[in-house]
Amino acid sequence: MDLFGDLQARGLVKQVTDESLDAVLSQKKITLYCGFDPTSDSLHIGSLLPLLTLRRFQQAGHRVIAVVGGATGMIGDPSGKQSERTLMNDTELRKNIEGVRATISRFLDLQGANPALVLDNMAWSGMTLVEFLRDVGKHFTVNYMMAKESVRSRLEDREHGISFTEFSYMLLQAHDFLHLHKKYGCTLQIGGSDQWGNITAGTDLVRKCGGTEVYGMTFPLVTKADGTKFGKTESGTIWLDAARTSPYRFYQYLLQTTDADAGAMLGFFSFHPPERIQQLEAATRATPEKREAQIALAGELTGLVHGREALRRAEKASLALFGSEIRDLDAGTLGEVFAGAPSTSKPRAAVEGGWALVDALAETGLCQSKGMARKDIAGGGVYINNERVTDQARVLGACDVLAGGFIVLRKGKKTYHLVRLS
């Protein structure tokens, strides 16, 4: 399948400025770009969509440019925002730029025969205000700018409105396209559907300044079947930086993808061919308990983002949640696995000196009383470190301590309690 056909089959084509883009991509190799705002020092899982779309273009032989918005990041894109962003100071902005640049570099080939470029638009944003108004601003009417959704929606909000700074954002992004077109022959800008107004402003500017035919393409914003934003959880954003979201948590987030979302997410993020994705969807419908689509999604993306070794550890930790392999986990992974479980701190000496299991179950609240604890143990419903215990006289001791300071108690299939030794 040709590149554009593959993108369409995956649901990655939302809008194009000209239907001839399909033919252009099949006839020649082009240069394209996508911009990334440095609003944090890491990109999040939603940013994988533009990153991996650039990767698909690069693998198809096209030249790709990732632009980190050092200049535009000082302004803030109003698209999709109900109020103006808090402006960053120079130190914070530079830190974020370097973090985003490092993240992008993990997904694009910067050294091969067709190397990608990672640029900071601060490098060509040194125009004076008068020069900018003369060379860029004169090509846009206020009427044109006010018709853009990102501006119009804010103008209709009487409480917040839109500042002149944010109002001018689309001109800065349009200037990026013009600069990249002149210097690198860039003829395509891609981005999320919320960027449509900015992208079309860029294609219009290049045309008005006498450039050759250029194009814009958007992909859909990634939302789940229930309408919520992909990559957002109750505990926060899922980041691509392992220091902010561990590989285990990253893997688990994808593993918990609903059946309704799994096929679409495989199309967006995986490099499986469309026919393989359809097979995984069919298998998940037939035997949903096996979660084949979710396992494929979590495995491919965790390996891509964090590497094969991190994937191996995440898979091992996931299996250990229900098996005796829990003893093989290190302290950091063990803490991640049971991060959401209730926990109790207990002096190490009190445990290693002998702590009756019935007392432990009552103290941690896993059982309502010692009498109920004895009944649960006798019934085979109590586990120490995922190993079933049936001896009502069982005493916890040093041999039960995991990873230097934990004991995992479980009642039934899913009720866990983590004992932390102090």
Protein backbone atom coordinates (compact mmCIF):
# COMPACT_ATOMS: atom_id res chain seq x y z
CA MET A 1 0.00 0.00 0.00
CA ASP A 2 1.25 3.50 -0.83
CA LEU A 3 2.00 5.90 2.03
CA PHE A 4 -1.11 8.07 1.69
CA GLY A 5 -3.33 5.00 1.36
CA ASP A 6 -1.75 3.54 4.48
CA LEU A 7 -2.32 6.77 6.40
CA GLN A 8 -5.96 6.77 5.32
CA ALA A 9 -6.43 3.12 6.27
CA ARG A 10 -5.12 3.93 9.74
CA GLY A 11 -7.49 6.86 10.15
CA LEU A 12 -4.61 9.32 10.18
CA VAL A 13 -5.93 11.70 7.51
CA LYS A 14 -8.47 14.18 8.86
CA GLN A 15 -8.09 17.13 6.45
CA VAL A 16 -5.93 18.04 3.46
CA THR A 17 -5.66 21.41 1.78
CA ASP A 18 -5.62 19.82 -1.68
CA GLU A 19 -6.75 16.34 -2.77
CA SER A 20 -3.77 16.17 -5.12
CA LEU A 21 -1.48 15.50 -2.15
CA ASP A 22 -2.08 11.76 -2.64
CA ALA A 23 -0.70 11.89 -6.17
CA VAL A 24 2.20 14.15 -5.17
CA LEU A 25 3.37 11.72 -2.47
CA SER A 26 3.22 8.79 -4.88
CA GLN A 27 5.20 10.58 -7.59
CA LYS A 28 8.11 12.14 -5.69
CA LYS A 29 9.85 12.52 -2.35
CA ILE A 30 9.07 15.76 -0.57
CA THR A 31 10.16 17.69 2.52
CA LEU A 32 7.60 18.13 5.28
CA TYR A 33 7.51 19.42 8.84
CA CYS A 34 5.58 19.28 12.06
CA GLY A 35 5.87 21.63 15.02
CA PHE A 36 6.10 20.77 18.73
CA ASP A 37 5.43 23.31 21.46
CA PRO A 38 7.88 23.14 24.41
CA THR A 39 5.18 23.47 27.08
CA SER A 40 7.00 20.85 29.18
CA ASP A 41 10.42 19.21 29.24
CA SER A 42 8.87 15.98 27.94
CA LEU A 43 6.30 15.13 25.31
CA HIS A 44 3.28 13.05 26.33
CA ILE A 45 1.75 9.96 24.77
CA GLY A 46 -0.58 12.05 22.58
CA SER A 47 2.53 13.56 20.95
CA LEU A 48 3.37 10.11 19.64
CA LEU A 49 0.83 10.61 16.86
CA PRO A 50 2.74 13.43 15.10
CA LEU A 51 6.09 11.85 15.98
CA LEU A 52 5.20 8.47 14.52
CA THR A 53 3.53 10.07 11.51
CA LEU A 54 6.82 11.84 10.78
CA ARG A 55 8.55 8.49 11.25
CA ARG A 56 6.21 6.89 8.67
CA PHE A 57 7.05 9.63 6.15
CA GLN A 58 10.77 9.23 6.81
CA GLN A 59 10.63 5.46 6.38
CA ALA A 60 8.85 6.05 3.05
CA GLY A 61 11.85 8.12 1.89
CA HIS A 62 10.57 11.64 2.49
CA ARG A 63 12.67 14.27 4.28
CA VAL A 64 11.17 15.24 7.63
CA ILE A 65 11.73 18.26 9.85
CA ALA A 66 10.63 18.52 13.47
CA VAL A 67 10.40 22.13 14.64
CA VAL A 68 10.63 22.85 18.35
CA GLY A 69 8.86 26.13 19.04
CA GLY A 70 11.47 28.10 20.92
CA ALA A 71 9.97 31.32 19.53
CA THR A 72 6.31 30.33 19.29
CA GLY A 73 6.60 28.73 22.72
CA MET A 74 7.21 32.19 24.14
CA ILE A 75 3.78 33.21 22.86
CA GLY A 76 1.57 30.16 23.31
CA ASP A 77 -0.85 28.68 20.79
CA PRO A 78 -4.48 29.63 21.53
CA SER A 79 -5.79 26.61 19.59
CA GLY A 80 -8.00 24.49 21.82
CA LYS A 81 -7.31 26.68 24.86
CA GLN A 82 -10.03 28.45 26.84
CA SER A 83 -7.64 30.94 28.40
CA GLU A 84 -4.16 32.30 27.81
CA ARG A 85 -1.23 30.21 28.91
CA THR A 86 1.14 31.40 31.60
CA LEU A 87 4.25 32.66 29.83
CA MET A 88 7.49 30.82 30.63
CA ASN A 89 10.73 32.47 31.63
CA ASP A 90 13.85 31.93 29.51
CA THR A 91 15.38 29.31 31.81
CA GLU A 92 12.24 27.18 31.86
CA LEU A 93 11.78 27.53 28.11
CA ARG A 94 15.35 26.47 27.32
CA LYS A 95 15.02 23.45 29.64
CA ASN A 96 11.81 22.43 27.90
CA ILE A 97 13.30 22.89 24.44
CA GLU A 98 16.21 20.58 25.22
CA GLY A 99 13.89 17.99 26.75
CA VAL A 100 11.55 18.02 23.74
CA ARG A 101 14.50 17.91 21.32
CA ALA A 102 15.90 14.85 23.13
CA THR A 103 12.52 13.11 23.03
CA ILE A 104 12.05 13.75 19.31
CA SER A 105 15.54 12.41 18.60
CA ARG A 106 14.53 9.00 19.94
CA PHE A 107 11.92 8.49 17.22
CA LEU A 108 13.50 9.93 14.08
CA ASP A 109 16.68 8.82 12.32
CA LEU A 110 19.09 11.77 12.53
CA GLN A 111 22.16 10.01 11.13
CA GLY A 112 21.18 7.76 8.21
CA ALA A 113 21.08 8.30 4.47
CA ASN A 114 17.91 10.39 4.85
CA PRO A 115 18.49 12.20 8.16
CA ALA A 116 15.70 14.10 9.85
CA LEU A 117 16.25 17.67 11.03
CA VAL A 118 15.29 18.93 14.50
CA LEU A 119 15.19 22.74 14.41
CA ASP A 120 14.32 25.52 16.84
CA ASN A 121 12.27 28.29 15.24
CA MET A 122 14.01 30.81 17.47
CA ALA A 123 16.86 30.56 14.94
CA TRP A 124 14.89 32.47 12.27
CA SER A 125 12.64 34.62 14.45
CA GLY A 126 14.97 37.58 14.91
CA MET A 127 12.95 40.01 12.78
CA THR A 128 12.05 43.37 14.20
CA LEU A 129 8.37 44.06 14.78
CA VAL A 130 8.29 46.45 11.84
CA GLU A 131 9.89 43.86 9.54
CA PHE A 132 7.41 41.22 10.70
CA LEU A 133 4.41 43.46 10.11
CA ARG A 134 5.74 44.46 6.69
CA ASP A 135 6.80 41.02 5.44
CA VAL A 136 4.18 38.78 7.09
CA GLY A 137 1.36 40.83 8.60
CA LYS A 138 0.54 42.67 5.37
CA HIS A 139 -0.58 39.40 3.76
CA PHE A 140 -3.38 38.78 6.28
CA THR A 141 -6.55 40.71 6.91
CA VAL A 142 -8.02 40.90 10.41
CA ASN A 143 -11.22 39.45 8.91
CA TYR A 144 -9.28 36.38 7.75
CA MET A 145 -7.70 35.85 11.16
CA MET A 146 -10.96 36.34 13.06
CA ALA A 147 -12.61 33.64 10.95
CA LYS A 148 -10.19 30.99 12.25
CA GLU A 149 -11.73 28.70 14.86
CA SER A 150 -8.88 29.15 17.35
CA VAL A 151 -9.50 32.92 17.35
CA ARG A 152 -13.26 32.97 16.90
CA SER A 153 -13.96 30.67 19.86
CA ARG A 154 -11.92 32.90 22.15
CA LEU A 155 -13.53 36.08 20.86
CA GLU A 156 -16.92 34.63 21.75
CA ASP A 157 -15.73 34.01 25.33
CA ARG A 158 -16.31 37.34 27.02
CA GLU A 159 -14.65 36.23 30.24
CA HIS A 160 -11.24 35.40 28.77
CA GLY A 161 -11.11 36.86 25.27
CA ILE A 162 -7.80 36.71 23.41
CA SER A 163 -4.72 38.89 23.76
CA PHE A 164 -3.01 40.52 20.79
CA THR A 165 -0.05 38.23 21.55
CA GLU A 166 -2.05 35.05 21.04
CA PHE A 167 -3.98 36.61 18.16
CA SER A 168 -0.67 36.92 16.32
CA TYR A 169 0.36 33.29 16.91
CA MET A 170 -0.91 32.00 13.57
CA LEU A 171 1.27 34.56 11.77
CA LEU A 172 4.36 33.26 13.54
CA GLN A 173 3.53 29.67 12.59
CA ALA A 174 2.78 30.74 9.02
CA HIS A 175 6.19 32.40 8.90
CA ASP A 176 7.77 29.10 9.97
CA PHE A 177 6.30 27.40 6.91
CA LEU A 178 7.50 30.21 4.65
CA HIS A 179 11.04 30.05 6.06
CA LEU A 180 11.23 26.26 5.78
CA HIS A 181 9.86 26.42 2.24
CA LYS A 182 12.50 28.95 1.16
CA LYS A 183 15.46 27.31 2.90
CA TYR A 184 14.67 23.60 2.72
CA GLY A 185 12.06 23.32 -0.03
CA CYS A 186 9.45 22.21 2.50
CA THR A 187 6.07 21.69 0.80
CA LEU A 188 3.92 20.01 3.48
CA GLN A 189 3.01 20.83 7.06
CA ILE A 190 1.25 18.21 9.20
CA GLY A 191 -0.38 18.55 12.59
CA GLY A 192 -3.42 17.79 14.71
CA SER A 193 -6.84 18.90 13.51
CA ASP A 194 -6.76 21.76 16.04
CA GLN A 195 -3.90 23.19 13.95
CA TRP A 196 -5.93 23.47 10.75
CA GLY A 197 -6.27 27.25 10.97
CA ASN A 198 -2.54 27.72 11.57
CA ILE A 199 -1.62 25.29 8.80
CA THR A 200 -3.85 26.94 6.19
CA ALA A 201 -2.47 30.34 7.20
CA GLY A 202 0.96 28.95 6.34
CA THR A 203 -0.06 27.59 2.96
CA ASP A 204 -1.72 30.93 2.14
CA LEU A 205 1.39 32.89 3.12
CA VAL A 206 3.71 30.74 0.99
CA ARG A 207 1.37 31.14 -1.97
CA LYS A 208 1.11 34.93 -1.54
CA CYS A 209 4.90 35.21 -1.32
CA GLY A 210 5.33 33.48 -4.66
CA GLY A 211 6.25 30.01 -3.46
CA THR A 212 5.46 26.78 -5.30
CA GLU A 213 2.41 24.72 -4.41
CA VAL A 214 2.44 23.65 -0.76
CA TYR A 215 0.08 21.46 1.23
CA GLY A 216 -1.33 20.93 4.68
CA MET A 217 -2.58 17.74 6.29
CA THR A 218 -4.08 17.11 9.70
CA PHE A 219 -4.72 13.95 11.67
CA PRO A 220 -7.51 13.61 14.23
CA LEU A 221 -7.03 14.48 17.86
CA VAL A 222 -6.77 11.22 19.78
CA THR A 223 -9.79 10.64 21.97
CA LYS A 224 -11.19 7.46 23.44
CA ALA A 225 -14.58 6.00 22.59
CA ASP A 226 -16.11 7.68 25.65
CA GLY A 227 -14.93 11.08 24.41
CA THR A 228 -12.17 11.56 27.00
CA LYS A 229 -8.67 12.59 25.99
CA PHE A 230 -6.19 9.80 25.31
CA GLY A 231 -3.20 9.93 27.65
CA LYS A 232 -5.00 11.60 30.55
CA THR A 233 -5.68 9.64 33.74
CA GLU A 234 -6.89 10.43 37.23
CA SER A 235 -3.28 10.38 38.39
CA GLY A 236 -2.07 12.66 35.59
CA THR A 237 -0.60 12.70 32.10
CA ILE A 238 1.16 9.71 30.55
CA TRP A 239 4.59 11.06 29.56
CA LEU A 240 7.25 9.67 27.22
CA ASP A 241 10.00 10.36 29.78
CA ALA A 242 10.62 7.33 32.02
CA ALA A 243 11.45 9.66 34.91
CA ARG A 244 7.90 11.07 34.78
CA THR A 245 5.95 7.96 33.76
CA SER A 246 7.65 4.65 34.44
CA PRO A 247 7.78 2.00 31.67
CA TYR A 248 5.59 -0.24 33.85
CA ARG A 249 2.90 2.42 34.27
CA PHE A 250 3.16 3.26 30.56
CA TYR A 251 2.71 -0.41 29.66
CA GLN A 252 -0.21 -0.83 32.06
CA TYR A 253 -1.99 2.25 30.71
CA LEU A 254 -1.95 0.79 27.20
CA LEU A 255 -2.81 -2.70 28.44
CA GLN A 256 -5.98 -1.29 30.02
CA THR A 257 -7.18 0.15 26.68
CA THR A 258 -10.81 -0.77 26.16
CA ASP A 259 -11.84 -3.19 23.43
CA ALA A 260 -13.67 -0.31 21.75
CA ASP A 261 -10.46 1.74 21.52
CA ALA A 262 -7.81 -0.92 20.90
CA GLY A 263 -8.22 -1.19 17.11
CA ALA A 264 -8.14 2.56 16.53
CA MET A 265 -5.08 2.97 18.77
CA LEU A 266 -3.26 0.21 16.90
CA GLY A 267 -3.99 2.04 13.65
CA PHE A 268 -2.74 5.35 15.01
CA PHE A 269 0.35 4.20 16.87
CA SER A 270 1.54 0.78 15.73
CA PHE A 271 3.44 -0.20 12.62
CA HIS A 272 1.39 -3.38 12.13
CA PRO A 273 -0.13 -3.46 8.62
CA PRO A 274 -3.88 -2.70 8.50
CA GLU A 275 -4.77 -6.34 7.79
CA ARG A 276 -2.92 -7.49 10.93
CA ILE A 277 -4.76 -4.85 12.97
CA GLN A 278 -8.05 -6.20 11.65
CA GLN A 279 -7.01 -9.71 12.73
CA LEU A 280 -6.21 -8.46 16.24
CA GLU A 281 -9.55 -6.64 16.43
CA ALA A 282 -11.38 -9.79 15.37
CA ALA A 283 -9.49 -11.90 17.91
CA THR A 284 -10.33 -9.42 20.67
CA ARG A 285 -14.02 -9.53 19.76
CA ALA A 286 -13.99 -13.33 19.74
CA THR A 287 -12.02 -13.83 22.96
CA PRO A 288 -11.90 -10.48 24.78
CA GLU A 289 -10.42 -12.04 27.90
CA LYS A 290 -7.15 -12.70 26.02
CA ARG A 291 -6.75 -8.96 25.23
CA GLU A 292 -4.66 -9.71 22.15
CA ALA A 293 -5.02 -6.24 20.64
CA GLN A 294 -4.13 -4.55 23.94
CA ILE A 295 -1.08 -6.76 24.47
CA ALA A 296 0.13 -6.00 20.94
CA LEU A 297 -0.41 -2.26 21.46
CA ALA A 298 1.28 -2.14 24.87
CA GLY A 299 4.19 -4.29 23.75
CA GLU A 300 4.98 -2.38 20.57
CA LEU A 301 4.69 1.12 22.05
CA THR A 302 6.53 0.36 25.30
CA GLY A 303 9.38 -1.18 23.33
CA LEU A 304 9.42 1.76 20.93
CA VAL A 305 9.34 4.44 23.63
CA HIS A 306 11.42 2.82 26.37
CA GLY A 307 13.40 0.04 24.68
CA ARG A 308 13.24 -3.75 24.67
CA GLU A 309 14.76 -4.23 28.11
CA ALA A 310 12.26 -1.87 29.75
CA LEU A 311 9.47 -3.72 27.93
CA ARG A 312 10.75 -7.04 29.24
CA ARG A 313 10.73 -5.72 32.82
CA ALA A 314 7.23 -4.27 32.39
CA GLU A 315 5.90 -7.55 31.03
CA LYS A 316 7.56 -9.47 33.84
CA ALA A 317 6.11 -7.13 36.45
CA SER A 318 2.65 -7.48 34.91
CA LEU A 319 2.83 -11.27 35.06
CA ALA A 320 4.20 -11.14 38.60
CA LEU A 321 1.12 -9.32 39.79
CA PHE A 322 -0.68 -12.67 39.88
CA GLY A 323 2.21 -15.11 40.23
CA SER A 324 5.01 -16.16 42.56
CA GLU A 325 7.46 -14.35 40.24
CA ILE A 326 6.74 -11.33 42.41
CA ARG A 327 9.83 -12.36 44.41
CA ASP A 328 12.01 -11.54 41.39
CA LEU A 329 11.00 -7.87 41.21
CA ASP A 330 13.32 -5.11 42.41
CA ALA A 331 12.15 -2.53 44.95
CA GLY A 332 11.42 0.18 42.36
CA THR A 333 9.31 -2.08 40.14
CA LEU A 334 7.53 -3.58 43.14
CA GLY A 335 6.63 -0.10 44.31
CA GLU A 336 5.27 0.73 40.84
CA VAL A 337 3.24 -2.47 40.61
CA PHE A 338 1.48 -1.75 43.89
CA ALA A 339 1.48 2.04 43.71
CA GLY A 340 -2.32 2.12 43.81
CA ALA A 341 -2.76 -0.49 46.52
CA PRO A 342 -3.41 0.48 50.16
CA SER A 343 -0.37 0.08 52.36
CA THR A 344 0.67 -0.15 55.99
CA SER A 345 4.03 0.73 57.56
CA LYS A 346 5.35 -1.73 60.12
CA PRO A 347 8.62 -1.75 62.06
CA ARG A 348 10.98 -4.28 60.53
CA ALA A 349 11.81 -5.76 63.91
CA ALA A 350 8.13 -6.39 64.66
CA VAL A 351 7.75 -8.41 61.47
CA GLU A 352 11.05 -10.26 61.43
CA GLY A 353 10.51 -11.18 65.08
CA GLY A 354 7.29 -12.95 64.09
CA TRP A 355 3.93 -11.40 63.13
CA ALA A 356 0.94 -13.71 63.16
CA LEU A 357 -0.81 -13.74 59.80
CA VAL A 358 -4.26 -13.44 61.40
CA ASP A 359 -3.04 -10.31 63.21
CA ALA A 360 -1.61 -8.90 59.98
CA LEU A 361 -4.87 -9.45 58.08
CA ALA A 362 -6.89 -7.74 60.80
CA GLU A 363 -4.46 -4.84 61.26
CA THR A 364 -4.26 -4.08 57.54
CA GLY A 365 -8.03 -4.24 57.16
CA LEU A 366 -7.97 -7.08 54.63
CA CYS A 367 -10.20 -8.97 57.07
CA GLN A 368 -12.73 -7.43 59.44
CA SER A 369 -11.55 -9.48 62.42
CA LYS A 370 -9.13 -12.20 63.46
CA GLY A 371 -11.99 -14.69 63.37
CA MET A 372 -12.80 -13.75 59.78
CA ALA A 373 -9.10 -13.94 58.95
CA ARG A 374 -8.97 -17.55 60.18
CA LYS A 375 -12.00 -18.44 58.05
CA ASP A 376 -10.49 -16.81 54.95
CA ILE A 377 -7.18 -18.61 55.47
CA ALA A 378 -8.89 -21.96 55.93
CA GLY A 379 -10.95 -21.33 52.81
CA GLY A 380 -7.84 -20.78 50.68
CA GLY A 381 -8.53 -17.14 49.99
CA VAL A 382 -5.39 -15.61 51.52
CA TYR A 383 -1.99 -15.18 49.84
CA ILE A 384 1.44 -14.05 50.99
CA ASN A 385 3.49 -12.73 48.10
CA ASN A 386 0.96 -14.37 45.74
CA GLU A 387 1.41 -17.81 47.33
CA ARG A 388 -1.72 -19.34 48.87
CA VAL A 389 -1.65 -19.96 52.61
CA THR A 390 -4.00 -22.40 54.41
CA ASP A 391 -2.24 -22.66 57.78
CA GLN A 392 -4.15 -20.54 60.32
CA ALA A 393 -1.09 -20.54 62.58
CA ARG A 394 1.17 -19.08 59.88
CA VAL A 395 3.57 -16.42 61.14
CA LEU A 396 5.19 -13.78 58.93
CA GLY A 397 8.95 -13.43 59.26
CA ALA A 398 12.18 -12.37 57.55
CA CYS A 399 11.78 -15.05 54.87
CA ASP A 400 8.64 -13.30 53.61
CA VAL A 401 10.26 -9.90 53.04
CA LEU A 402 10.60 -8.91 49.37
CA ALA A 403 13.06 -6.51 47.75
CA GLY A 404 14.52 -5.46 51.08
CA GLY A 405 11.36 -4.08 52.60
CA PHE A 406 7.94 -5.26 51.38
CA ILE A 407 5.40 -8.00 52.00
CA VAL A 408 2.43 -8.35 49.68
CA LEU A 409 -0.78 -9.65 51.25
CA ARG A 410 -3.73 -10.60 49.09
CA LYS A 411 -7.29 -11.67 49.74
CA GLY A 412 -9.21 -13.25 46.91
CA LYS A 413 -8.23 -12.46 43.33
CA LYS A 414 -7.66 -8.72 43.38
CA THR A 415 -7.62 -7.25 46.89
CA TYR A 416 -4.02 -6.35 47.70
CA HIS A 417 -2.34 -4.70 50.66
CA LEU A 418 1.33 -3.72 50.73
CA VAL A 419 3.21 -3.89 54.01
CA ARG A 420 6.19 -1.53 54.02
CA LEU A 421 8.87 -2.28 56.58
CA SER A 422 10.37 0.73 58.32
